[in-house]
Protein backbone atom coordinates (compact mmCIF):
# COMPACT_ATOMS: atom_id res chain seq x y z
CA MET A 1 106.68 52.94 64.13
CA SER A 2 108.69 53.43 67.32
CA ILE A 3 110.49 56.40 65.77
CA ALA A 4 107.13 58.05 65.10
CA ILE A 5 106.02 57.50 68.71
CA VAL A 6 109.31 58.90 70.02
CA ALA A 7 108.92 61.90 67.72
CA ILE A 8 105.34 62.50 68.89
CA ILE A 9 106.28 62.14 72.56
CA GLY A 10 109.26 64.46 72.01
CA GLY A 11 106.99 67.01 70.34
CA VAL A 12 104.50 66.82 73.21
CA ILE A 13 107.26 67.21 75.81
CA ILE A 14 108.71 70.21 73.97
CA SER A 15 105.26 71.77 73.71
CA LEU A 16 104.58 71.23 77.42
CA ALA A 17 107.96 72.69 78.32
CA GLY A 18 107.14 75.74 76.22
CA ILE A 19 103.75 76.14 77.90
CA PHE A 20 105.25 75.86 81.39
CA THR A 21 108.05 78.27 80.52
CA ASP A 22 105.57 80.78 79.10
CA ALA A 23 103.36 80.51 82.20
CA ARG A 24 106.34 81.01 84.48
CA THR A 25 107.51 84.02 82.46
CA ARG A 26 104.04 85.59 82.72
CA GLN A 27 104.00 84.97 86.48
CA GLN A 28 107.39 86.63 86.85
CA LYS A 29 106.22 89.65 84.82
CA ILE A 30 103.13 89.98 87.01
CA LYS A 31 105.28 89.71 90.13
CA LEU A 32 107.66 92.37 88.78
CA LYS A 33 104.74 94.72 88.05
CA SER A 34 103.44 94.12 91.57
CA ILE A 35 106.83 94.97 93.08
CA ASP A 36 107.01 98.12 90.94
CA LYS A 37 103.58 99.19 92.19
CA GLU A 38 104.59 98.51 95.80
CA LEU A 39 107.74 100.58 95.31
CA GLU A 40 105.70 103.43 93.84
CA LEU A 41 103.29 103.24 96.78
CA GLU A 42 106.15 103.33 99.29
CA LYS A 43 107.60 106.39 97.55
CA LEU A 44 104.22 108.12 97.80
CA ARG A 45 103.93 107.15 101.48
CA LEU A 46 107.40 108.56 102.18
CA GLU A 47 106.58 111.76 100.30
CA THR A 48 103.33 112.15 102.23
CA TYR A 49 105.09 111.46 105.53
CA THR A 50 107.75 114.06 104.71
CA MET A 51 105.14 116.65 103.79
CA GLU A 52 103.09 115.96 106.94
CA THR A 53 106.22 116.16 109.09
CA GLU A 54 107.18 119.49 107.54
CA LYS A 55 103.64 120.79 108.05
CA MET A 56 103.70 119.75 111.70
CA ARG A 57 107.13 121.37 112.14
CA LEU A 58 105.83 124.63 110.70
CA GLU A 59 102.73 124.49 112.88
CA LEU A 60 104.88 123.89 115.95
CA GLU A 61 107.15 126.77 115.01
CA GLN A 62 104.13 129.03 114.54
CA SER A 63 102.74 127.96 117.91
CA LYS A 64 106.07 128.74 119.56
CA VAL A 65 106.12 132.20 117.98
CA LEU A 66 102.54 132.89 119.08
CA LEU A 67 103.29 131.66 122.58
CA LEU A 68 106.39 133.86 122.83
CA GLU A 69 104.41 136.86 121.55
CA GLU A 70 101.68 136.16 124.05
CA LYS A 71 104.23 135.85 126.84
CA GLN A 72 105.92 139.12 125.82
CA ASN A 73 102.55 140.92 125.67
CA SER A 74 101.61 139.67 129.12
CA ASN A 75 104.92 140.94 130.55
CA LYS A 76 104.32 144.51 129.31
């Protein structure tokens, strides 16, 4: 009788360990997906920042050219 109880308790413990392990594995997968999404978002932010910076640089360069042209025209 005691062997049967030990076997049942052992089976329950193994089952619970499997359930907890499975839950932890799923949590880790969700966390990994979240980190991947955050990384993708940061890449997009960096790309957007780079594009905006380049646009601002070009606008500044264009303003400098226009200002120089205006200055040259006023000196004539």
